[in-house]
C-alpha cells in the first residue's frame, strides 16, 4: 500500500487509524517516524510506537467522526510538508468530545511512494458534554 502523492499518503494514514487497519500503517510510516503534539508526554519515536499510539487511542475512544479540510501541500524535491485542519468527535470515559485543530506531516518520497517521517498536531478548540471537561487523551 503506497501513496503516489503526499496528500494521498496522509489521507491513507487517517483512513487506516480511523477504521482500525493499524497493520496497513506500516507501509505509510517510516521506521524512524517521530510524532509530537499537544498533550503528549514527549515525542513518540519509531513506527511501532506510532502505530501503538493510534491503536491505544482507538481502544479507549469510540470515534464519531473525523474530517480533514483546508489542506496545503508543499513539495521540495523528495520532501513534502502537508498541513490541514481537522475536526474530530469521539466518546471516551462516557463523555463526548469535539475537537478542531491543525495537523502537519513531513513526508519523504521512497521510490514510488510517500512515507511520513514526522507529524505533529495542535488542538485549537475542544468541548466536552461534561461541562467543558477535557478528555483524557487528545486525538491521535
Protein backbone atom coordinates (compact mmCIF):
# COMPACT_ATOMS: atom_id res chain seq x y z
CA UNK A 1 0.00 0.00 0.00
CA UNK A 2 1.91 3.02 -1.24
CA UNK A 3 0.67 6.53 -1.89
CA UNK A 4 1.52 8.26 -5.15
CA UNK A 5 1.24 11.80 -3.75
CA UNK A 6 1.71 13.34 -0.27
CA UNK A 7 -1.94 14.23 0.35
CA UNK A 8 -3.00 10.72 -0.66
CA UNK A 9 -0.48 9.34 1.86
CA UNK A 10 -1.85 11.48 4.71
CA UNK A 11 -5.45 10.58 3.84
CA UNK A 12 -4.43 6.90 3.76
CA UNK A 13 -2.83 7.20 7.23
CA UNK A 14 -6.03 8.75 8.57
CA UNK A 15 -8.19 6.11 6.87
CA UNK A 16 -6.10 3.36 8.47
CA UNK A 17 -6.27 4.57 12.05
CA UNK A 18 -9.93 5.65 11.88
CA UNK A 19 -11.02 2.23 10.58
CA UNK A 20 -8.75 0.11 12.78
CA UNK A 21 -6.46 -1.07 9.97
CA UNK A 22 -3.32 -0.49 12.04
CA UNK A 23 -1.21 -3.05 10.16
CA UNK A 24 -1.66 -1.03 6.96
CA UNK A 25 0.13 1.90 8.61
CA UNK A 26 3.46 0.05 8.31
CA UNK A 27 3.89 0.97 4.65
CA UNK A 28 2.89 4.61 5.25
CA UNK A 29 5.15 5.41 8.22
CA UNK A 30 8.95 5.46 8.14
CA UNK A 31 10.60 3.05 10.58
CA UNK A 32 12.05 6.08 12.42
CA UNK A 33 8.94 8.31 12.27
CA UNK A 34 8.63 10.91 15.06
CA UNK A 35 5.26 12.10 16.35
CA UNK A 36 4.87 15.09 18.63
CA UNK A 37 1.92 17.11 19.77
CA UNK A 38 -0.08 18.81 22.40
CA UNK A 39 -0.95 16.59 25.35
CA UNK A 40 1.83 14.10 24.71
CA UNK A 41 4.40 13.35 27.41
CA UNK A 42 7.17 13.56 24.83
CA UNK A 43 7.88 12.57 21.28
CA UNK A 44 6.82 9.16 20.05
CA UNK A 45 9.70 7.64 18.13
CA UNK A 46 9.56 4.77 15.68
CA UNK A 47 6.91 3.09 13.56
CA UNK A 48 5.86 0.55 16.19
CA UNK A 49 5.36 3.21 18.88
CA UNK A 50 3.45 5.43 16.42
CA UNK A 51 1.12 2.60 15.41
CA UNK A 52 0.64 1.73 19.08
CA UNK A 53 -0.37 5.34 19.85
CA UNK A 54 -3.08 5.24 17.17
CA UNK A 55 -4.22 1.81 18.38
CA UNK A 56 -4.24 2.88 22.05
CA UNK A 57 -6.40 5.92 21.26
CA UNK A 58 -8.89 3.83 19.31
CA UNK A 59 -9.00 1.21 22.10
CA UNK A 60 -10.03 3.95 24.57
CA UNK A 61 -12.27 6.02 22.31
CA UNK A 62 -15.33 5.43 20.21
CA UNK A 63 -14.87 7.54 17.10
CA UNK A 64 -17.88 9.51 15.94
CA UNK A 65 -16.35 11.41 13.04
CA UNK A 66 -13.06 12.65 11.66
CA UNK A 67 -12.83 15.11 8.78
CA UNK A 68 -9.92 16.85 7.09
CA UNK A 69 -10.16 20.24 5.38
CA UNK A 70 -8.11 23.19 4.15
CA UNK A 71 -5.09 21.12 3.19
CA UNK A 72 -1.87 22.66 1.92
CA UNK A 73 0.83 20.58 0.27
CA UNK A 74 4.33 21.93 -0.35
CA UNK A 75 6.77 19.68 -2.20
CA UNK A 76 10.53 20.23 -2.24
CA UNK A 77 12.07 17.51 -4.39
CA UNK A 78 11.67 14.28 -2.41
CA UNK A 79 10.32 16.02 0.71
CA UNK A 80 6.78 17.26 1.29
CA UNK A 81 5.06 19.18 4.06
CA UNK A 82 1.32 18.60 4.39
CA UNK A 83 -0.79 20.69 6.75
CA UNK A 84 -4.55 20.63 7.19
CA UNK A 85 -7.33 21.43 9.62
CA UNK A 86 -9.29 18.61 11.22
CA UNK A 87 -12.49 18.11 13.18
CA UNK A 88 -12.99 15.05 15.34
CA UNK A 89 -15.78 13.81 17.59
CA UNK A 90 -15.21 10.89 19.91
CA UNK A 91 -16.52 9.38 23.11
CA UNK A 92 -14.15 8.45 25.92
CA UNK A 93 -14.88 7.78 29.57
CA UNK A 94 -18.61 8.29 28.95
CA UNK A 95 -18.20 11.82 27.61
CA UNK A 96 -18.36 13.07 24.07
CA UNK A 97 -15.58 15.39 22.97
CA UNK A 98 -15.45 17.58 19.90
CA UNK A 99 -12.07 18.95 18.84
CA UNK A 100 -10.78 21.05 15.98
CA UNK A 101 -7.16 21.65 15.21
CA UNK A 102 -4.28 21.60 12.76
CA UNK A 103 -2.06 18.70 11.86
CA UNK A 104 1.25 18.72 10.00
CA UNK A 105 3.15 15.87 8.39
CA UNK A 106 6.59 15.79 6.80
CA UNK A 107 6.87 13.05 4.20
CA UNK A 108 9.71 11.76 2.05
CA UNK A 109 9.48 10.03 -1.31
CA UNK A 110 10.85 6.49 -1.26
CA UNK A 111 10.98 5.15 -4.81
CA UNK A 112 7.36 5.49 -6.00
CA UNK A 113 5.62 6.21 -2.68
CA UNK A 114 5.47 8.80 0.10
CA UNK A 115 6.03 7.89 3.76
CA UNK A 116 5.61 10.01 6.87
CA UNK A 117 8.78 10.81 8.83
CA UNK A 118 7.39 13.45 11.22
CA UNK A 119 3.96 14.52 12.46
CA UNK A 120 2.53 16.99 14.95
CA UNK A 121 -0.91 18.23 15.87
CA UNK A 122 -2.37 21.11 17.82
CA UNK A 123 -5.93 21.19 19.12
CA UNK A 124 -7.30 24.70 18.66
CA UNK A 125 -10.73 24.15 20.24
CA UNK A 126 -12.20 21.42 22.38
CA UNK A 127 -15.56 20.94 24.05
CA UNK A 128 -16.99 18.10 26.08
CA UNK A 129 -20.56 17.29 27.04
CA UNK A 130 -19.43 17.23 30.71
CA UNK A 131 -19.23 20.98 31.45
CA UNK A 132 -16.15 21.62 29.33
CA UNK A 133 -14.01 18.95 30.96
CA UNK A 134 -11.19 17.88 28.70
CA UNK A 135 -10.83 14.30 27.56
CA UNK A 136 -8.16 12.00 28.92
CA UNK A 137 -6.15 11.91 25.72
CA UNK A 138 -6.12 14.26 22.75
CA UNK A 139 -6.88 12.91 19.32
CA UNK A 140 -4.04 10.81 17.93
